C-alpha atoms as a PDB file:
ATOM      1  CA  MET A   1       0.146  -0.270   0.286  1.00  0.00           C
ATOM      2  CA  LEU A   2       0.857   3.014  -0.785  1.00  0.00           C
ATOM      3  CA  THR A   3       1.711   5.457   2.418  1.00  0.00           C
ATOM      4  CA  ARG A   4       1.885   9.203   3.605  1.00  0.00           C
ATOM      5  CA  THR A   5       4.742  11.297   5.668  1.00  0.00           C
ATOM      6  CA  ILE A   6       3.118  12.602   9.235  1.00  0.00           C
ATOM      7  CA  PRO A   7       4.500  16.319   9.365  1.00  0.00           C
ATOM      8  CA  SER A   8       5.835  16.037  13.286  1.00  0.00           C
ATOM      9  CA  SER A   9       7.797  13.420  12.506  1.00  0.00           C
ATOM     10  CA  GLY A  10       8.515  11.611   9.120  1.00  0.00           C
ATOM     11  CA  GLU A  11       6.973   8.583   9.802  1.00  0.00           C
ATOM     12  CA  GLU A  12       5.097   6.906   7.084  1.00  0.00           C
ATOM     13  CA  LEU A  13       1.468   5.728   7.228  1.00  0.00           C
ATOM     14  CA  PRO A  14      -0.539   3.638   4.836  1.00  0.00           C
ATOM     15  CA  LEU A  15      -3.103   5.696   3.131  1.00  0.00           C
ATOM     16  CA  ILE A  16      -6.047   3.385   4.274  1.00  0.00           C
ATOM     17  CA  GLY A  17      -7.029   2.331   7.985  1.00  0.00           C
ATOM     18  CA  LEU A  18     -10.069   1.570   9.746  1.00  0.00           C
ATOM     19  CA  GLY A  19     -12.663   3.046  11.505  1.00  0.00           C
ATOM     20  CA  THR A  20     -15.185   1.941  13.971  1.00  0.00           C
ATOM     21  CA  TRP A  21     -17.634   3.510  14.756  1.00  0.00           C
ATOM     22  CA  GLN A  22     -21.044   1.050  14.952  1.00  0.00           C
ATOM     23  CA  ALA A  23     -18.708  -1.248  13.237  1.00  0.00           C
ATOM     24  CA  PHE A  24     -16.589  -3.082  16.574  1.00  0.00           C
ATOM     25  CA  ASP A  25     -19.914  -1.699  18.888  1.00  0.00           C
ATOM     26  CA  VAL A  26     -20.823  -5.519  19.849  1.00  0.00           C
ATOM     27  CA  GLY A  27     -21.091  -7.587  22.825  1.00  0.00           C
ATOM     28  CA  ASN A  28     -19.643 -10.723  23.322  1.00  0.00           C
ATOM     29  CA  ARG A  29     -21.098 -12.860  21.098  1.00  0.00           C
ATOM     30  CA  GLU A  30     -19.042 -15.114  18.430  1.00  0.00           C
ATOM     31  CA  GLU A  31     -21.197 -14.692  15.734  1.00  0.00           C
ATOM     32  CA  GLU A  32     -21.172 -10.481  16.324  1.00  0.00           C
ATOM     33  CA  ARG A  33     -17.035 -11.155  16.516  1.00  0.00           C
ATOM     34  CA  ALA A  34     -16.459 -13.404  14.071  1.00  0.00           C
ATOM     35  CA  PRO A  35     -16.919 -11.212  11.345  1.00  0.00           C
ATOM     36  CA  LEU A  36     -14.836  -8.703  13.174  1.00  0.00           C
ATOM     37  CA  ARG A  37     -11.949 -10.612  13.667  1.00  0.00           C
ATOM     38  CA  ALA A  38     -12.447 -11.495  10.170  1.00  0.00           C
ATOM     39  CA  VAL A  39     -11.648  -7.745   9.072  1.00  0.00           C
ATOM     40  CA  LEU A  40      -8.753  -7.264  11.844  1.00  0.00           C
ATOM     41  CA  SER A  41      -7.132  -9.830   9.827  1.00  0.00           C
ATOM     42  CA  ALA A  42      -7.367  -8.757   6.596  1.00  0.00           C
ATOM     43  CA  PHE A  43      -6.685  -5.538   7.809  1.00  0.00           C
ATOM     44  CA  ALA A  44      -3.256  -6.507   9.402  1.00  0.00           C
ATOM     45  CA  ALA A  45      -2.536  -9.019   5.996  1.00  0.00           C
ATOM     46  CA  SER A  46      -3.219  -6.274   3.618  1.00  0.00           C
ATOM     47  CA  GLY A  47      -0.143  -3.888   5.330  1.00  0.00           C
ATOM     48  CA  ALA A  48      -2.716  -1.630   6.628  1.00  0.00           C
ATOM     49  CA  ARG A  49      -2.049  -0.110   9.998  1.00  0.00           C
ATOM     50  CA  VAL A  50      -3.969   2.844  11.030  1.00  0.00           C
ATOM     51  CA  ILE A  51      -7.566   2.141  13.235  1.00  0.00           C
ATOM     52  CA  ASP A  52      -9.409   4.779  15.285  1.00  0.00           C
ATOM     53  CA  SER A  53     -11.981   4.295  17.744  1.00  0.00           C
ATOM     54  CA  SER A  54     -13.371   6.300  20.511  1.00  0.00           C
ATOM     55  CA  PRO A  55     -15.687   5.848  23.995  1.00  0.00           C
ATOM     56  CA  MET A  56     -17.782   7.762  22.215  1.00  0.00           C
ATOM     57  CA  TYR A  57     -18.708   4.665  20.199  1.00  0.00           C
ATOM     58  CA  GLY A  58     -20.325   2.377  22.744  1.00  0.00           C
ATOM     59  CA  ARG A  59     -18.465  -1.119  23.521  1.00  0.00           C
ATOM     60  CA  ALA A  60     -16.403  -0.281  20.383  1.00  0.00           C
ATOM     61  CA  GLU A  61     -12.975   0.228  22.133  1.00  0.00           C
ATOM     62  CA  ARG A  62     -13.047  -2.540  24.683  1.00  0.00           C
ATOM     63  CA  VAL A  63     -13.628  -4.935  21.284  1.00  0.00           C
ATOM     64  CA  LEU A  64     -11.169  -3.832  19.639  1.00  0.00           C
ATOM     65  CA  GLY A  65      -8.735  -4.660  22.381  1.00  0.00           C
ATOM     66  CA  ASP A  66     -10.183  -7.897  23.148  1.00  0.00           C
ATOM     67  CA  LEU A  67      -9.498  -9.350  19.526  1.00  0.00           C
ATOM     68  CA  ILE A  68      -6.364  -7.441  18.760  1.00  0.00           C
ATOM     69  CA  ALA A  69      -5.200  -9.522  21.682  1.00  0.00           C
ATOM     70  CA  GLU A  70      -6.475 -12.894  20.980  1.00  0.00           C
ATOM     71  CA  LEU A  71      -5.160 -11.720  17.247  1.00  0.00           C
ATOM     72  CA  GLY A  72      -1.853 -10.743  18.264  1.00  0.00           C
ATOM     73  CA  LEU A  73      -1.640  -7.742  16.064  1.00  0.00           C
ATOM     74  CA  ARG A  74      -0.691  -4.818  18.235  1.00  0.00           C
ATOM     75  CA  PRO A  75       2.908  -4.583  17.366  1.00  0.00           C
ATOM     76  CA  ARG A  76       1.415  -3.947  13.841  1.00  0.00           C
ATOM     77  CA  LEU A  77      -0.942  -1.811  14.331  1.00  0.00           C
ATOM     78  CA  TYR A  78      -1.301   2.412  14.742  1.00  0.00           C
ATOM     79  CA  ILE A  79      -4.055   2.657  17.472  1.00  0.00           C
ATOM     80  CA  ALA A  80      -5.353   5.542  17.395  1.00  0.00           C
ATOM     81  CA  THR A  81      -8.359   6.750  20.156  1.00  0.00           C
ATOM     82  CA  LYS A  82     -10.157  10.097  21.423  1.00  0.00           C
ATOM     83  CA  VAL A  83     -11.234  11.369  24.916  1.00  0.00           C
ATOM     84  CA  TRP A  84     -15.138  12.544  25.137  1.00  0.00           C
ATOM     85  CA  THR A  85     -15.819  14.328  28.351  1.00  0.00           C
ATOM     86  CA  THR A  86     -15.191  17.645  29.824  1.00  0.00           C
ATOM     87  CA  GLY A  87     -12.978  18.737  33.085  1.00  0.00           C
ATOM     88  CA  ARG A  88      -9.444  17.452  33.346  1.00  0.00           C
ATOM     89  CA  LYS A  89      -9.876  15.006  35.302  1.00  0.00           C
ATOM     90  CA  SER A  90     -13.035  13.073  33.744  1.00  0.00           C
ATOM     91  CA  GLY A  91     -10.377  13.255  30.817  1.00  0.00           C
ATOM     92  CA  ILE A  92      -7.836  11.629  32.689  1.00  0.00           C
ATOM     93  CA  ASP A  93     -10.131   8.732  33.915  1.00  0.00           C
ATOM     94  CA  GLN A  94     -11.591   8.360  31.027  1.00  0.00           C
ATOM     95  CA  MET A  95      -8.384   8.265  28.939  1.00  0.00           C
ATOM     96  CA  GLU A  96      -7.158   6.100  31.408  1.00  0.00           C
ATOM     97  CA  GLU A  97     -10.326   3.713  30.771  1.00  0.00           C
ATOM     98  CA  SER A  98      -9.986   3.956  26.815  1.00  0.00           C
ATOM     99  CA  MET A  99      -6.439   2.411  27.641  1.00  0.00           C
ATOM    100  CA  ARG A 100      -7.080  -0.768  30.070  1.00  0.00           C
ATOM    101  CA  ARG A 101     -10.208  -1.843  27.104  1.00  0.00           C
ATOM    102  CA  LEU A 102      -7.267  -1.550  24.774  1.00  0.00           C
ATOM    103  CA  ARG A 103      -4.990  -3.574  26.579  1.00  0.00           C
ATOM    104  CA  VAL A 104      -2.214  -1.032  26.119  1.00  0.00           C
ATOM    105  CA  ASP A 105       0.248   0.814  27.730  1.00  0.00           C
ATOM    106  CA  HIS A 106       0.565   3.992  24.999  1.00  0.00           C
ATOM    107  CA  LEU A 107      -1.426   5.162  22.242  1.00  0.00           C
ATOM    108  CA  ASP A 108      -0.271   6.176  19.270  1.00  0.00           C
ATOM    109  CA  LEU A 109      -2.533   8.853  19.107  1.00  0.00           C
ATOM    110  CA  LEU A 110      -4.769  10.385  21.212  1.00  0.00           C
ATOM    111  CA  GLN A 111      -7.352  12.951  19.915  1.00  0.00           C
ATOM    112  CA  VAL A 112     -10.400  15.715  21.697  1.00  0.00           C
ATOM    113  CA  HIS A 113     -13.659  14.642  20.663  1.00  0.00           C
ATOM    114  CA  ASN A 114     -15.832  16.964  18.734  1.00  0.00           C
ATOM    115  CA  LEU A 115     -13.262  19.486  20.361  1.00  0.00           C
ATOM    116  CA  VAL A 116     -15.349  18.661  23.406  1.00  0.00           C
ATOM    117  CA  ASP A 117     -13.074  21.112  26.840  1.00  0.00           C
ATOM    118  CA  ALA A 118     -10.320  20.845  24.066  1.00  0.00           C
ATOM    119  CA  ARG A 119      -8.437  23.615  25.514  1.00  0.00           C
ATOM    120  CA  THR A 120      -8.716  21.769  28.975  1.00  0.00           C
ATOM    121  CA  HIS A 121      -7.449  17.907  27.270  1.00  0.00           C
ATOM    122  CA  LEU A 122      -5.056  19.476  25.005  1.00  0.00           C
ATOM    123  CA  ASP A 123      -2.725  20.396  28.425  1.00  0.00           C
ATOM    124  CA  THR A 124      -3.221  16.884  29.512  1.00  0.00           C
ATOM    125  CA  LEU A 125      -2.308  14.988  26.209  1.00  0.00           C
ATOM    126  CA  ARG A 126       1.026  17.240  25.921  1.00  0.00           C
ATOM    127  CA  ALA A 127       2.101  16.312  29.305  1.00  0.00           C
ATOM    128  CA  TRP A 128       0.979  12.188  28.461  1.00  0.00           C
ATOM    129  CA  LYS A 129       3.094  13.144  24.964  1.00  0.00           C
ATOM    130  CA  ARG A 130       6.377  14.078  27.184  1.00  0.00           C
ATOM    131  CA  ASP A 131       6.192  11.038  29.427  1.00  0.00           C
ATOM    132  CA  GLY A 132       5.628   9.107  26.692  1.00  0.00           C
ATOM    133  CA  ARG A 133       2.516   7.672  26.976  1.00  0.00           C
ATOM    134  CA  VAL A 134       0.759   8.761  23.785  1.00  0.00           C
ATOM    135  CA  ARG A 135       3.001   9.408  20.623  1.00  0.00           C
ATOM    136  CA  TYR A 136       0.989  11.925  19.170  1.00  0.00           C
ATOM    137  CA  ILE A 137      -1.750  14.001  19.675  1.00  0.00           C
ATOM    138  CA  GLY A 138      -5.179  15.770  17.611  1.00  0.00           C
ATOM    139  CA  LEU A 139      -8.482  16.940  17.371  1.00  0.00           C
ATOM    140  CA  THR A 140     -11.698  15.841  15.599  1.00  0.00           C
ATOM    141  CA  HIS A 141     -15.292  16.368  13.998  1.00  0.00           C
ATOM    142  CA  TYR A 142     -17.162  15.293  11.762  1.00  0.00           C
ATOM    143  CA  THR A 143     -19.534  18.466  10.442  1.00  0.00           C
ATOM    144  CA  ALA A 144     -18.729  20.714   8.041  1.00  0.00           C
ATOM    145  CA  ARG A 145     -18.704  23.473  10.888  1.00  0.00           C
ATOM    146  CA  GLY A 146     -16.249  21.700  13.040  1.00  0.00           C
ATOM    147  CA  ALA A 147     -14.282  21.442  10.013  1.00  0.00           C
ATOM    148  CA  GLU A 148     -14.175  25.628  10.735  1.00  0.00           C
ATOM    149  CA  GLU A 149     -13.572  25.188  14.513  1.00  0.00           C
ATOM    150  CA  ILE A 150     -10.899  22.887  14.186  1.00  0.00           C
ATOM    151  CA  ALA A 151      -9.341  25.777  11.878  1.00  0.00           C
ATOM    152  CA  ASP A 152      -9.656  28.380  14.257  1.00  0.00           C
ATOM    153  CA  LEU A 153      -8.228  26.463  16.917  1.00  0.00           C
ATOM    154  CA  LEU A 154      -5.127  25.610  15.214  1.00  0.00           C
ATOM    155  CA  HIS A 155      -3.876  29.101  15.382  1.00  0.00           C
ATOM    156  CA  ALA A 156      -3.764  28.832  18.830  1.00  0.00           C
ATOM    157  CA  GLU A 157      -3.145  25.325  20.082  1.00  0.00           C
ATOM    158  CA  PRO A 158      -0.934  23.688  17.753  1.00  0.00           C
ATOM    159  CA  VAL A 159      -1.251  19.570  17.416  1.00  0.00           C
ATOM    160  CA  ASP A 160       0.159  16.579  15.037  1.00  0.00           C
ATOM    161  CA  PHE A 161      -3.209  15.491  13.654  1.00  0.00           C
ATOM    162  CA  VAL A 162      -6.761  16.181  12.718  1.00  0.00           C
ATOM    163  CA  GLN A 163      -9.119  13.956  11.957  1.00  0.00           C
ATOM    164  CA  ILE A 164     -11.976  15.781  10.015  1.00  0.00           C
ATOM    165  CA  ASN A 165     -14.912  13.958   7.650  1.00  0.00           C
ATOM    166  CA  TYR A 166     -13.869  14.159   4.289  1.00  0.00           C
ATOM    167  CA  GLY A 167     -15.506  13.087   0.727  1.00  0.00           C
ATOM    168  CA  PRO A 168     -16.530  13.088  -2.831  1.00  0.00           C
ATOM    169  CA  ILE A 169     -19.921  15.008  -1.594  1.00  0.00           C
ATOM    170  CA  GLU A 170     -18.573  16.248   1.886  1.00  0.00           C
ATOM    171  CA  ARG A 171     -15.745  18.664   0.636  1.00  0.00           C
ATOM    172  CA  GLU A 172     -15.633  21.723   3.379  1.00  0.00           C
ATOM    173  CA  ALA A 173     -12.422  20.921   4.636  1.00  0.00           C
ATOM    174  CA  GLU A 174     -10.746  21.974   0.949  1.00  0.00           C
ATOM    175  CA  ARG A 175     -11.497  24.958   1.543  1.00  0.00           C
ATOM    176  CA  ARG A 176      -9.536  26.507   4.793  1.00  0.00           C
ATOM    177  CA  LEU A 177      -9.007  23.508   6.281  1.00  0.00           C
ATOM    178  CA  PHE A 178      -6.563  21.265   3.973  1.00  0.00           C
ATOM    179  CA  PRO A 179      -4.729  25.095   3.210  1.00  0.00           C
ATOM    180  CA  LEU A 180      -4.014  25.122   6.932  1.00  0.00           C
ATOM    181  CA  THR A 181      -2.833  21.421   7.981  1.00  0.00           C
ATOM    182  CA  ARG A 182      -0.506  22.025   4.866  1.00  0.00           C
ATOM    183  CA  ASP A 183       0.917  25.088   6.065  1.00  0.00           C
ATOM    184  CA  ARG A 184       1.345  24.475   9.283  1.00  0.00           C
ATOM    185  CA  GLY A 185       2.710  21.069   8.920  1.00  0.00           C
ATOM    186  CA  ILE A 186      -0.263  18.925  10.374  1.00  0.00           C
ATOM    187  CA  ALA A 187      -1.175  15.097   9.220  1.00  0.00           C
ATOM    188  CA  VAL A 188      -5.333  14.481   8.722  1.00  0.00           C
ATOM    189  CA  LEU A 189      -6.979  11.528   9.161  1.00  0.00           C
ATOM    190  CA  ALA A 190      -9.957  11.606   6.990  1.00  0.00           C
ATOM    191  CA  ASN A 191     -12.943  10.423   8.843  1.00  0.00           C
ATOM    192  CA  ARG A 192     -16.258   9.424   6.432  1.00  0.00           C
ATOM    193  CA  PRO A 193     -14.854   8.991   3.692  1.00  0.00           C
ATOM    194  CA  LEU A 194     -17.554   6.768   2.087  1.00  0.00           C
ATOM    195  CA  GLY A 195     -20.271   9.183   2.982  1.00  0.00           C
ATOM    196  CA  GLY A 196     -21.620   8.983   6.551  1.00  0.00           C
ATOM    197  CA  ASP A 197     -25.355   8.093   6.225  1.00  0.00           C
ATOM    198  CA  SER A 198     -24.307   4.862   7.486  1.00  0.00           C
ATOM    199  CA  GLY A 199     -24.205   3.020   4.467  1.00  0.00           C
ATOM    200  CA  ARG A 200     -26.724   4.237   2.719  1.00  0.00           C
ATOM    201  CA  LEU A 201     -24.863   6.626  -0.165  1.00  0.00           C
ATOM    202  CA  MET A 202     -23.173   3.269  -1.599  1.00  0.00           C
ATOM    203  CA  LYS A 203     -26.211   1.782  -1.297  1.00  0.00           C
ATOM    204  CA  ARG A 204     -26.989   4.305  -4.047  1.00  0.00           C
ATOM    205  CA  LEU A 205     -24.254   4.024  -6.168  1.00  0.00           C
ATOM    206  CA  SER A 206     -24.461   0.529  -6.162  1.00  0.00           C
ATOM    207  CA  ALA A 207     -27.654   1.324  -7.886  1.00  0.00           C
ATOM    208  CA  ALA A 208     -25.453   2.624 -10.769  1.00  0.00           C
ATOM    209  CA  SER A 209     -22.404   1.421 -13.159  1.00  0.00           C
ATOM    210  CA  LEU A 210     -18.994   2.148 -12.365  1.00  0.00           C
ATOM    211  CA  PRO A 211     -17.559   4.523 -15.195  1.00  0.00           C
ATOM    212  CA  GLU A 212     -15.319   3.186 -17.943  1.00  0.00           C
ATOM    213  CA  TRP A 213     -12.753   5.880 -17.168  1.00  0.00           C
ATOM    214  CA  ALA A 214     -12.673   3.905 -13.220  1.00  0.00           C
ATOM    215  CA  ALA A 215      -9.700   1.532 -15.084  1.00  0.00           C
ATOM    216  CA  GLU A 216      -7.665   4.227 -15.318  1.00  0.00           C
ATOM    217  CA  ILE A 217      -6.321   4.742 -11.829  1.00  0.00           C
ATOM    218  CA  GLY A 218      -7.474   0.693 -11.105  1.00  0.00           C
ATOM    219  CA  CYS A 219     -10.484   1.029  -9.563  1.00  0.00           C
ATOM    220  CA  THR A 220     -13.456  -1.687 -10.098  1.00  0.00           C
ATOM    221  CA  SER A 221     -16.082  -0.244  -7.539  1.00  0.00           C
ATOM    222  CA  TRP A 222     -17.223   2.843  -6.477  1.00  0.00           C
ATOM    223  CA  ALA A 223     -15.750   2.889  -2.998  1.00  0.00           C
ATOM    224  CA  GLN A 224     -12.192   2.029  -4.389  1.00  0.00           C
ATOM    225  CA  LEU A 225     -13.125   5.559  -6.534  1.00  0.00           C
ATOM    226  CA  ALA A 226     -14.590   7.572  -3.363  1.00  0.00           C
ATOM    227  CA  LEU A 227     -11.252   6.231  -1.284  1.00  0.00           C
ATOM    228  CA  ALA A 228      -9.007   6.775  -4.163  1.00  0.00           C
ATOM    229  CA  PHE A 229      -9.982  10.694  -4.463  1.00  0.00           C
ATOM    230  CA  VAL A 230      -9.997  11.181  -0.780  1.00  0.00           C
ATOM    231  CA  VAL A 231      -6.255   9.722  -0.770  1.00  0.00           C
ATOM    232  CA  SER A 232      -4.938  11.207  -3.253  1.00  0.00           C
ATOM    233  CA  HIS A 233      -5.544  15.275  -1.685  1.00  0.00           C
ATOM    234  CA  PRO A 234      -2.279  15.897  -0.812  1.00  0.00           C
ATOM    235  CA  ALA A 235      -3.252  16.909   2.347  1.00  0.00           C
ATOM    236  CA  VAL A 236      -4.968  14.281   3.523  1.00  0.00           C
ATOM    237  CA  THR A 237      -3.026  11.601   5.673  1.00  0.00           C
ATOM    238  CA  CYS A 238      -4.785   8.512   5.778  1.00  0.00           C
ATOM    239  CA  ALA A 239      -8.689   7.475   5.317  1.00  0.00           C
ATOM    240  CA  ILE A 240     -10.876   5.539   7.654  1.00  0.00           C
ATOM    241  CA  PRO A 241     -13.528   3.748   6.240  1.00  0.00           C
ATOM    242  CA  ALA A 242     -15.303   1.707   8.581  1.00  0.00           C
ATOM    243  CA  THR A 243     -16.240  -1.967   7.499  1.00  0.00           C
ATOM    244  CA  THR A 244     -18.038  -5.390   9.553  1.00  0.00           C
ATOM    245  CA  ARG A 245     -17.262  -7.324   6.356  1.00  0.00           C
ATOM    246  CA  PRO A 246     -13.920  -8.387   5.328  1.00  0.00           C
ATOM    247  CA  ASP A 247     -14.891  -8.666   1.445  1.00  0.00           C
ATOM    248  CA  HIS A 248     -15.447  -4.086   2.171  1.00  0.00           C
ATOM    249  CA  LEU A 249     -11.817  -4.362   3.680  1.00  0.00           C
ATOM    250  CA  ARG A 250      -9.992  -5.912   1.587  1.00  0.00           C
ATOM    251  CA  ASP A 251     -12.333  -3.788  -1.873  1.00  0.00           C
ATOM    252  CA  ASN A 252     -10.978  -0.891   0.911  1.00  0.00           C
ATOM    253  CA  VAL A 253      -7.526  -0.995   1.000  1.00  0.00           C
ATOM    254  CA  ARG A 254      -6.835  -1.373  -2.705  1.00  0.00           C
ATOM    255  CA  ALA A 255      -7.820   2.230  -3.208  1.00  0.00           C
ATOM    256  CA  GLY A 256      -4.508   2.625  -1.199  1.00  0.00           C
ATOM    257  CA  ALA A 257      -2.265   0.572  -3.943  1.00  0.00           C
ATOM    258  CA  GLY A 258      -2.578   3.565  -6.647  1.00  0.00           C
ATOM    259  CA  PRO A 259      -2.109   4.943  -9.542  1.00  0.00           C
ATOM    260  CA  LEU A 260      -3.932   8.070  -7.267  1.00  0.00           C
ATOM    261  CA  PRO A 261      -5.810  10.173  -9.637  1.00  0.00           C
ATOM    262  CA  ASP A 262      -4.770  13.341 -10.518  1.00  0.00           C
ATOM    263  CA  GLN A 263      -6.528  16.936 -10.389  1.00  0.00           C
ATOM    264  CA  PRO A 264      -8.549  16.252 -13.896  1.00  0.00           C
ATOM    265  CA  LEU A 265      -9.979  12.810 -12.795  1.00  0.00           C
ATOM    266  CA  ARG A 266     -10.355  14.339  -9.224  1.00  0.00           C
ATOM    267  CA  LYS A 267     -12.996  16.372 -11.223  1.00  0.00           C
ATOM    268  CA  ARG A 268     -14.427  13.892 -12.896  1.00  0.00           C
ATOM    269  CA  ILE A 269     -14.814  11.215  -9.952  1.00  0.00           C
ATOM    270  CA  ALA A 270     -16.631  13.892  -7.619  1.00  0.00           C
ATOM    271  CA  GLU A 271     -18.733  14.789 -10.761  1.00  0.00           C
ATOM    272  CA  ALA A 272     -19.749  11.400 -10.980  1.00  0.00           C
ATOM    273  CA  ILE A 273     -20.310  10.380  -7.859  1.00  0.00           C
ATOM    274  CA  ALA A 274     -22.938  13.484  -7.057  1.00  0.00           C
ATOM    275  CA  GLN A 275     -24.332  12.582 -10.498  1.00  0.00           C
ATOM    276  CA  ALA A 276     -25.029   8.395  -9.693  1.00  0.00           C
ATOM    277  CA  ALA A 277     -26.226   9.497  -6.023  1.00  0.00           C
ATOM    278  CA  GLY A 278     -28.880  11.636  -7.143  1.00  0.00           C
END
């Protein structure tokens, strides 16, 4: 898989990662966890690394931690999660609990979820980074308004990463946030790259024929085409689509193998997806 550099360190990350919202919020039954175990196995086998979660995602952190430990995958993965509460002590307690659920003694990336009490938590995160409990720190949001709010905060609060919604039909981050992250040397995780409507976008696209020109960049599905659009933006470090299906996982990661579309083809992709989605 192609990689992109984290500006603050020079570390390389594969272009396609894995989100856990909804997908990993399951119980203890084997029939619930077996597909996710297969997803994680296929994910690691592909060479992908970045997995993102949050205490907001119900049982996702615990399920993820259990399965990673069961499969012995921790050394091969880049694990990110978030803090989503108010107050310094509450934030510390929540982050400690996240580490217990994920079964880790340090995190690769810890982010302030949806900017909730961001300045308070960033003070804690900087201390944790100095102490080696977290390698990178960041800010997240999932709305069009959030891109502007993150951009405002970045002028006063330096971070390693931002995570924002971005895809062919959610492009607000291009206006102000992406130029700023590139100027400041900040990595970007793209959430909701296949749409934030619980799969409805992909279902609508599946009813339309894939354009013949998709083959120019080796894309054989609408998901690959959408992900190629996302990761071809030079500001994006990694896209993190969620899935519960190993076949979808294997389809998604192929988008990170390249070649990536140039600007004229990116325009065609966005237009084709908008038209097919109605």
